[in-house]
Amino acid sequence: MKERICYFIPLQDPEEHGGYIPAQAVEGSKGYRLMTGGNHKWAMPWIWGKTLEDAESACDNANERLGLNKDEVFEIIASTM
């Protein structure tokens, strides 16, 4: 079975990067990956909203495009702990 991925907004200071950065969780893998960009000097973090509400809505939309409902997203996140 293929590992599922989902996106969520972890606790963070939106002032640090000018908004909220999503995190990617991979089912069954410990922890998560904050989507801060690449490893080169021009890399920028992915800002999915200036407000928490906007960022969470963007995550919901991305997860829906992946075919995931909220319960499945919670299952994936829980599997990373």
PDB file of N, CA and C in Angstrom:
ATOM      1  N   MET A   1       0.834  -1.185   0.000  1.00  0.00           N
ATOM      2  CA  MET A   1       0.000   0.000   0.000  1.00  0.00           C
ATOM      3  C   MET A   1       0.882   1.253   0.000  1.00  0.00           C
ATOM      4  N   LYS A   2       0.534   2.205  -0.806  1.00  0.00           N
ATOM      5  CA  LYS A   2       1.295   3.441  -0.907  1.00  0.00           C
ATOM      6  C   LYS A   2       1.067   4.322   0.323  1.00  0.00           C
ATOM      7  N   GLU A   3       2.148   4.941   0.802  1.00  0.00           N
ATOM      8  CA  GLU A   3       2.027   5.859   1.937  1.00  0.00           C
ATOM      9  C   GLU A   3       1.213   7.076   1.521  1.00  0.00           C
ATOM     10  N   ARG A   4       0.322   7.491   2.407  1.00  0.00           N
ATOM     11  CA  ARG A   4      -0.454   8.701   2.137  1.00  0.00           C
ATOM     12  C   ARG A   4       0.283   9.903   2.719  1.00  0.00           C
ATOM     13  N   ILE A   5       0.096  11.053   2.091  1.00  0.00           N
ATOM     14  CA  ILE A   5       0.629  12.303   2.627  1.00  0.00           C
ATOM     15  C   ILE A   5      -0.528  13.257   2.851  1.00  0.00           C
ATOM     16  N   CYS A   6      -0.325  14.192   3.756  1.00  0.00           N
ATOM     17  CA  CYS A   6      -1.307  15.251   3.980  1.00  0.00           C
ATOM     18  C   CYS A   6      -0.574  16.512   4.403  1.00  0.00           C
ATOM     19  N   TYR A   7      -1.304  17.595   4.439  1.00  0.00           N
ATOM     20  CA  TYR A   7      -0.750  18.888   4.835  1.00  0.00           C
ATOM     21  C   TYR A   7      -1.533  19.425   6.023  1.00  0.00           C
ATOM     22  N   PHE A   8      -0.832  20.140   6.900  1.00  0.00           N
ATOM     23  CA  PHE A   8      -1.464  20.784   8.053  1.00  0.00           C
ATOM     24  C   PHE A   8      -0.617  21.976   8.466  1.00  0.00           C
ATOM     25  N   ILE A   9      -1.180  22.820   9.309  1.00  0.00           N
ATOM     26  CA  ILE A   9      -0.460  23.992   9.807  1.00  0.00           C
ATOM     27  C   ILE A   9      -0.070  23.731  11.256  1.00  0.00           C
ATOM     28  N   PRO A  10       1.225  23.540  11.518  1.00  0.00           N
ATOM     29  CA  PRO A  10       1.668  23.352  12.900  1.00  0.00           C
ATOM     30  C   PRO A  10       1.733  24.698  13.630  1.00  0.00           C
ATOM     31  N   LEU A  11       1.852  24.630  14.934  1.00  0.00           N
ATOM     32  CA  LEU A  11       1.992  25.830  15.749  1.00  0.00           C
ATOM     33  C   LEU A  11       3.246  26.583  15.319  1.00  0.00           C
ATOM     34  N   GLN A  12       3.111  27.881  15.036  1.00  0.00           N
ATOM     35  CA  GLN A  12       4.244  28.679  14.571  1.00  0.00           C
ATOM     36  C   GLN A  12       3.962  30.158  14.738  1.00  0.00           C
ATOM     37  N   ASP A  13       4.995  30.970  14.602  1.00  0.00           N
ATOM     38  CA  ASP A  13       4.882  32.420  14.640  1.00  0.00           C
ATOM     39  C   ASP A  13       4.791  32.925  13.202  1.00  0.00           C
ATOM     40  N   PRO A  14       3.622  33.407  12.768  1.00  0.00           N
ATOM     41  CA  PRO A  14       3.471  33.843  11.378  1.00  0.00           C
ATOM     42  C   PRO A  14       4.308  35.080  11.041  1.00  0.00           C
ATOM     43  N   GLU A  15       4.750  35.801  12.041  1.00  0.00           N
ATOM     44  CA  GLU A  15       5.568  36.997  11.793  1.00  0.00           C
ATOM     45  C   GLU A  15       6.963  36.629  11.287  1.00  0.00           C
ATOM     46  N   GLU A  16       7.432  35.443  11.624  1.00  0.00           N
ATOM     47  CA  GLU A  16       8.784  35.025  11.245  1.00  0.00           C
ATOM     48  C   GLU A  16       8.979  34.993   9.729  1.00  0.00           C
ATOM     49  N   HIS A  17       7.943  34.512   9.001  1.00  0.00           N
ATOM     50  CA  HIS A  17       8.062  34.382   7.547  1.00  0.00           C
ATOM     51  C   HIS A  17       7.010  35.172   6.784  1.00  0.00           C
ATOM     52  N   GLY A  18       6.189  35.925   7.486  1.00  0.00           N
ATOM     53  CA  GLY A  18       5.157  36.707   6.814  1.00  0.00           C
ATOM     54  C   GLY A  18       3.883  35.932   6.538  1.00  0.00           C
ATOM     55  N   GLY A  19       3.661  34.870   7.255  1.00  0.00           N
ATOM     56  CA  GLY A  19       2.461  34.070   7.090  1.00  0.00           C
ATOM     57  C   GLY A  19       2.676  32.676   7.650  1.00  0.00           C
ATOM     58  N   TYR A  20       1.736  31.786   7.344  1.00  0.00           N
ATOM     59  CA  TYR A  20       1.776  30.425   7.864  1.00  0.00           C
ATOM     60  C   TYR A  20       2.335  29.463   6.824  1.00  0.00           C
ATOM     61  N   ILE A  21       3.266  28.622   7.263  1.00  0.00           N
ATOM     62  CA  ILE A  21       3.917  27.630   6.412  1.00  0.00           C
ATOM     63  C   ILE A  21       3.283  26.269   6.689  1.00  0.00           C
ATOM     64  N   PRO A  22       2.863  25.553   5.637  1.00  0.00           N
ATOM     65  CA  PRO A  22       2.293  24.234   5.860  1.00  0.00           C
ATOM     66  C   PRO A  22       3.371  23.205   6.183  1.00  0.00           C
ATOM     67  N   ALA A  23       2.941  22.133   6.790  1.00  0.00           N
ATOM     68  CA  ALA A  23       3.812  20.991   7.039  1.00  0.00           C
ATOM     69  C   ALA A  23       3.250  19.808   6.269  1.00  0.00           C
ATOM     70  N   GLN A  24       4.137  18.914   5.867  1.00  0.00           N
ATOM     71  CA  GLN A  24       3.737  17.700   5.162  1.00  0.00           C
ATOM     72  C   GLN A  24       3.988  16.508   6.083  1.00  0.00           C
ATOM     73  N   ALA A  25       2.967  15.697   6.264  1.00  0.00           N
ATOM     74  CA  ALA A  25       3.082  14.478   7.061  1.00  0.00           C
ATOM     75  C   ALA A  25       2.988  13.280   6.117  1.00  0.00           C
ATOM     76  N   VAL A  26       3.856  12.305   6.323  1.00  0.00           N
ATOM     77  CA  VAL A  26       3.855  11.072   5.538  1.00  0.00           C
ATOM     78  C   VAL A  26       3.428   9.944   6.464  1.00  0.00           C
ATOM     79  N   GLU A  27       2.399   9.243   6.073  1.00  0.00           N
ATOM     80  CA  GLU A  27       1.840   8.184   6.902  1.00  0.00           C
ATOM     81  C   GLU A  27       2.913   7.190   7.345  1.00  0.00           C
ATOM     82  N   GLY A  28       2.988   6.974   8.660  1.00  0.00           N
ATOM     83  CA  GLY A  28       3.916   6.006   9.218  1.00  0.00           C
ATOM     84  C   GLY A  28       5.348   6.487   9.392  1.00  0.00           C
ATOM     85  N   SER A  29       5.649   7.701   8.963  1.00  0.00           N
ATOM     86  CA  SER A  29       6.998   8.264   9.122  1.00  0.00           C
ATOM     87  C   SER A  29       7.011   9.192  10.327  1.00  0.00           C
ATOM     88  N   LYS A  30       8.035   9.089  11.139  1.00  0.00           N
ATOM     89  CA  LYS A  30       8.132   9.895  12.349  1.00  0.00           C
ATOM     90  C   LYS A  30       8.308  11.371  12.005  1.00  0.00           C
ATOM     91  N   GLY A  31       7.544  12.224  12.672  1.00  0.00           N
ATOM     92  CA  GLY A  31       7.669  13.664  12.505  1.00  0.00           C
ATOM     93  C   GLY A  31       6.989  14.170  11.242  1.00  0.00           C
ATOM     94  N   TYR A  32       7.320  15.428  10.885  1.00  0.00           N
ATOM     95  CA  TYR A  32       6.764  16.051   9.696  1.00  0.00           C
ATOM     96  C   TYR A  32       7.813  16.959   9.080  1.00  0.00           C
ATOM     97  N   ARG A  33       7.534  17.426   7.870  1.00  0.00           N
ATOM     98  CA  ARG A  33       8.459  18.288   7.151  1.00  0.00           C
ATOM     99  C   ARG A  33       7.805  19.649   6.952  1.00  0.00           C
ATOM    100  N   LEU A  34       8.384  20.685   7.542  1.00  0.00           N
ATOM    101  CA  LEU A  34       7.900  22.036   7.337  1.00  0.00           C
ATOM    102  C   LEU A  34       8.313  22.475   5.937  1.00  0.00           C
ATOM    103  N   MET A  35       7.374  22.974   5.161  1.00  0.00           N
ATOM    104  CA  MET A  35       7.627  23.299   3.757  1.00  0.00           C
ATOM    105  C   MET A  35       8.331  24.662   3.652  1.00  0.00           C
ATOM    106  N   THR A  36       9.610  24.644   3.972  1.00  0.00           N
ATOM    107  CA  THR A  36      10.381  25.894   4.000  1.00  0.00           C
ATOM    108  C   THR A  36      11.156  26.162   2.722  1.00  0.00           C
ATOM    109  N   GLY A  37      10.982  25.369   1.700  1.00  0.00           N
ATOM    110  CA  GLY A  37      11.676  25.604   0.437  1.00  0.00           C
ATOM    111  C   GLY A  37      12.860  24.671   0.269  1.00  0.00           C
ATOM    112  N   GLY A  38      13.699  24.996  -0.651  1.00  0.00           N
ATOM    113  CA  GLY A  38      14.853  24.155  -0.958  1.00  0.00           C
ATOM    114  C   GLY A  38      16.075  24.495  -0.135  1.00  0.00           C
ATOM    115  N   ASN A  39      17.208  24.000  -0.563  1.00  0.00           N
ATOM    116  CA  ASN A  39      18.463  24.203   0.152  1.00  0.00           C
ATOM    117  C   ASN A  39      19.387  25.189  -0.545  1.00  0.00           C
ATOM    118  N   HIS A  40      18.837  26.045  -1.364  1.00  0.00           N
ATOM    119  CA  HIS A  40      19.692  27.017  -2.037  1.00  0.00           C
ATOM    120  C   HIS A  40      19.359  28.426  -1.552  1.00  0.00           C
ATOM    121  N   LYS A  41      20.210  29.376  -1.843  1.00  0.00           N
ATOM    122  CA  LYS A  41      20.073  30.716  -1.262  1.00  0.00           C
ATOM    123  C   LYS A  41      18.814  31.459  -1.695  1.00  0.00           C
ATOM    124  N   TRP A  42      18.171  31.048  -2.789  1.00  0.00           N
ATOM    125  CA  TRP A  42      16.955  31.734  -3.235  1.00  0.00           C
ATOM    126  C   TRP A  42      15.689  31.040  -2.776  1.00  0.00           C
ATOM    127  N   ALA A  43      15.821  29.962  -2.028  1.00  0.00           N
ATOM    128  CA  ALA A  43      14.646  29.212  -1.575  1.00  0.00           C
ATOM    129  C   ALA A  43      13.827  30.050  -0.600  1.00  0.00           C
ATOM    130  N   MET A  44      12.539  30.006  -0.768  1.00  0.00           N
ATOM    131  CA  MET A  44      11.617  30.726   0.107  1.00  0.00           C
ATOM    132  C   MET A  44      10.641  29.719   0.722  1.00  0.00           C
ATOM    133  N   PRO A  45      10.134  30.003   1.919  1.00  0.00           N
ATOM    134  CA  PRO A  45       9.125  29.110   2.500  1.00  0.00           C
ATOM    135  C   PRO A  45       7.805  29.220   1.735  1.00  0.00           C
ATOM    136  N   TRP A  46       7.029  28.159   1.771  1.00  0.00           N
ATOM    137  CA  TRP A  46       5.706  28.160   1.164  1.00  0.00           C
ATOM    138  C   TRP A  46       4.758  28.843   2.143  1.00  0.00           C
ATOM    139  N   ILE A  47       4.222  29.970   1.793  1.00  0.00           N
ATOM    140  CA  ILE A  47       3.255  30.667   2.643  1.00  0.00           C
ATOM    141  C   ILE A  47       1.861  30.370   2.098  1.00  0.00           C
ATOM    142  N   TRP A  48       1.045  29.690   2.899  1.00  0.00           N
ATOM    143  CA  TRP A  48      -0.286  29.308   2.443  1.00  0.00           C
ATOM    144  C   TRP A  48      -1.369  30.186   3.047  1.00  0.00           C
ATOM    145  N   GLY A  49      -0.991  31.271   3.696  1.00  0.00           N
ATOM    146  CA  GLY A  49      -1.978  32.198   4.214  1.00  0.00           C
ATOM    147  C   GLY A  49      -1.367  33.173   5.193  1.00  0.00           C
ATOM    148  N   LYS A  50      -1.879  34.394   5.173  1.00  0.00           N
ATOM    149  CA  LYS A  50      -1.448  35.407   6.139  1.00  0.00           C
ATOM    150  C   LYS A  50      -2.160  35.213   7.472  1.00  0.00           C
ATOM    151  N   THR A  51      -3.323  34.567   7.426  1.00  0.00           N
ATOM    152  CA  THR A  51      -4.064  34.261   8.656  1.00  0.00           C
ATOM    153  C   THR A  51      -4.122  32.744   8.822  1.00  0.00           C
ATOM    154  N   LEU A  52      -4.292  32.300  10.057  1.00  0.00           N
ATOM    155  CA  LEU A  52      -4.400  30.868  10.324  1.00  0.00           C
ATOM    156  C   LEU A  52      -5.603  30.281   9.593  1.00  0.00           C
ATOM    157  N   GLU A  53      -6.698  31.004   9.564  1.00  0.00           N
ATOM    158  CA  GLU A  53      -7.907  30.529   8.876  1.00  0.00           C
ATOM    159  C   GLU A  53      -7.640  30.298   7.383  1.00  0.00           C
ATOM    160  N   ASP A  54      -6.968  31.235   6.729  1.00  0.00           N
ATOM    161  CA  ASP A  54      -6.651  31.084   5.304  1.00  0.00           C
ATOM    162  C   ASP A  54      -5.707  29.909   5.067  1.00  0.00           C
ATOM    163  N   ALA A  55      -4.700  29.765   5.922  1.00  0.00           N
ATOM    164  CA  ALA A  55      -3.724  28.693   5.760  1.00  0.00           C
ATOM    165  C   ALA A  55      -4.371  27.328   5.978  1.00  0.00           C
ATOM    166  N   GLU A  56      -5.223  27.222   6.979  1.00  0.00           N
ATOM    167  CA  GLU A  56      -5.907  25.958   7.228  1.00  0.00           C
ATOM    168  C   GLU A  56      -6.869  25.617   6.098  1.00  0.00           C
ATOM    169  N   SER A  57      -7.504  26.620   5.528  1.00  0.00           N
ATOM    170  CA  SER A  57      -8.385  26.405   4.384  1.00  0.00           C
ATOM    171  C   SER A  57      -7.589  25.899   3.181  1.00  0.00           C
ATOM    172  N   ALA A  58      -6.402  26.462   2.959  1.00  0.00           N
ATOM    173  CA  ALA A  58      -5.544  26.008   1.859  1.00  0.00           C
ATOM    174  C   ALA A  58      -5.121  24.550   2.085  1.00  0.00           C
ATOM    175  N   CYS A  59      -4.827  24.180   3.330  1.00  0.00           N
ATOM    176  CA  CYS A  59      -4.485  22.788   3.641  1.00  0.00           C
ATOM    177  C   CYS A  59      -5.678  21.878   3.381  1.00  0.00           C
ATOM    178  N   ASP A  60      -6.859  22.298   3.809  1.00  0.00           N
ATOM    179  CA  ASP A  60      -8.065  21.496   3.569  1.00  0.00           C
ATOM    180  C   ASP A  60      -8.253  21.256   2.076  1.00  0.00           C
ATOM    181  N   ASN A  61      -8.073  22.305   1.270  1.00  0.00           N
ATOM    182  CA  ASN A  61      -8.230  22.181  -0.180  1.00  0.00           C
ATOM    183  C   ASN A  61      -7.189  21.227  -0.768  1.00  0.00           C
ATOM    184  N   ALA A  62      -5.943  21.350  -0.323  1.00  0.00           N
ATOM    185  CA  ALA A  62      -4.884  20.460  -0.825  1.00  0.00           C
ATOM    186  C   ALA A  62      -5.170  19.015  -0.440  1.00  0.00           C
ATOM    187  N   ASN A  63      -5.601  18.793   0.799  1.00  0.00           N
ATOM    188  CA  ASN A  63      -5.909  17.438   1.257  1.00  0.00           C
ATOM    189  C   ASN A  63      -7.102  16.854   0.496  1.00  0.00           C
ATOM    190  N   GLU A  64      -8.106  17.678   0.209  1.00  0.00           N
ATOM    191  CA  GLU A  64      -9.253  17.215  -0.572  1.00  0.00           C
ATOM    192  C   GLU A  64      -8.821  16.818  -1.978  1.00  0.00           C
ATOM    193  N   ARG A  65      -7.901  17.571  -2.582  1.00  0.00           N
ATOM    194  CA  ARG A  65      -7.395  17.217  -3.914  1.00  0.00           C
ATOM    195  C   ARG A  65      -6.641  15.883  -3.872  1.00  0.00           C
ATOM    196  N   LEU A  66      -6.086  15.563  -2.707  1.00  0.00           N
ATOM    197  CA  LEU A  66      -5.418  14.273  -2.528  1.00  0.00           C
ATOM    198  C   LEU A  66      -6.414  13.154  -2.213  1.00  0.00           C
ATOM    199  N   GLY A  67      -7.695  13.510  -2.122  1.00  0.00           N
ATOM    200  CA  GLY A  67      -8.734  12.517  -1.849  1.00  0.00           C
ATOM    201  C   GLY A  67      -8.895  12.185  -0.387  1.00  0.00           C
ATOM    202  N   LEU A  68      -8.451  13.084   0.497  1.00  0.00           N
ATOM    203  CA  LEU A  68      -8.490  12.828   1.939  1.00  0.00           C
ATOM    204  C   LEU A  68      -9.583  13.641   2.613  1.00  0.00           C
ATOM    205  N   ASN A  69     -10.293  13.003   3.537  1.00  0.00           N
ATOM    206  CA  ASN A  69     -11.222  13.757   4.372  1.00  0.00           C
ATOM    207  C   ASN A  69     -10.516  14.083   5.695  1.00  0.00           C
ATOM    208  N   LYS A  70     -11.177  14.856   6.558  1.00  0.00           N
ATOM    209  CA  LYS A  70     -10.533  15.301   7.803  1.00  0.00           C
ATOM    210  C   LYS A  70     -10.142  14.136   8.707  1.00  0.00           C
ATOM    211  N   ASP A  71     -10.971  13.105   8.779  1.00  0.00           N
ATOM    212  CA  ASP A  71     -10.632  11.940   9.614  1.00  0.00           C
ATOM    213  C   ASP A  71      -9.362  11.257   9.110  1.00  0.00           C
ATOM    214  N   GLU A  72      -9.234  11.132   7.797  1.00  0.00           N
ATOM    215  CA  GLU A  72      -8.037  10.517   7.226  1.00  0.00           C
ATOM    216  C   GLU A  72      -6.797  11.358   7.483  1.00  0.00           C
ATOM    217  N   VAL A  73      -6.945  12.685   7.413  1.00  0.00           N
ATOM    218  CA  VAL A  73      -5.828  13.581   7.709  1.00  0.00           C
ATOM    219  C   VAL A  73      -5.375  13.384   9.149  1.00  0.00           C
ATOM    220  N   PHE A  74      -6.322  13.307  10.086  1.00  0.00           N
ATOM    221  CA  PHE A  74      -5.974  13.091  11.489  1.00  0.00           C
ATOM    222  C   PHE A  74      -5.292  11.743  11.682  1.00  0.00           C
ATOM    223  N   GLU A  75      -5.735  10.709  10.968  1.00  0.00           N
ATOM    224  CA  GLU A  75      -5.095   9.389  11.049  1.00  0.00           C
ATOM    225  C   GLU A  75      -3.637   9.458  10.584  1.00  0.00           C
ATOM    226  N   ILE A  76      -3.416  10.156   9.485  1.00  0.00           N
ATOM    227  CA  ILE A  76      -2.052  10.276   8.953  1.00  0.00           C
ATOM    228  C   ILE A  76      -1.173  11.027   9.941  1.00  0.00           C
ATOM    229  N   ILE A  77      -1.658  12.151  10.456  1.00  0.00           N
ATOM    230  CA  ILE A  77      -0.867  12.933  11.417  1.00  0.00           C
ATOM    231  C   ILE A  77      -0.583  12.103  12.659  1.00  0.00           C
ATOM    232  N   ALA A  78      -1.590  11.398  13.168  1.00  0.00           N
ATOM    233  CA  ALA A  78      -1.392  10.571  14.364  1.00  0.00           C
ATOM    234  C   ALA A  78      -0.363   9.482  14.119  1.00  0.00           C
ATOM    235  N   SER A  79      -0.289   8.966  12.907  1.00  0.00           N
ATOM    236  CA  SER A  79       0.661   7.895  12.607  1.00  0.00           C
ATOM    237  C   SER A  79       2.111   8.381  12.609  1.00  0.00           C
ATOM    238  N   THR A  80       2.319   9.700  12.615  1.00  0.00           N
ATOM    239  CA  THR A  80       3.674  10.249  12.604  1.00  0.00           C
ATOM    240  C   THR A  80       4.211  10.503  14.002  1.00  0.00           C
ATOM    241  N   MET A  81       3.364  10.318  15.009  1.00  0.00           N
ATOM    242  CA  MET A  81       3.764  10.615  16.393  1.00  0.00           C
ATOM    243  C   MET A  81       4.345   9.398  17.085  1.00  0.00           C
TER     244      MET A  81
END
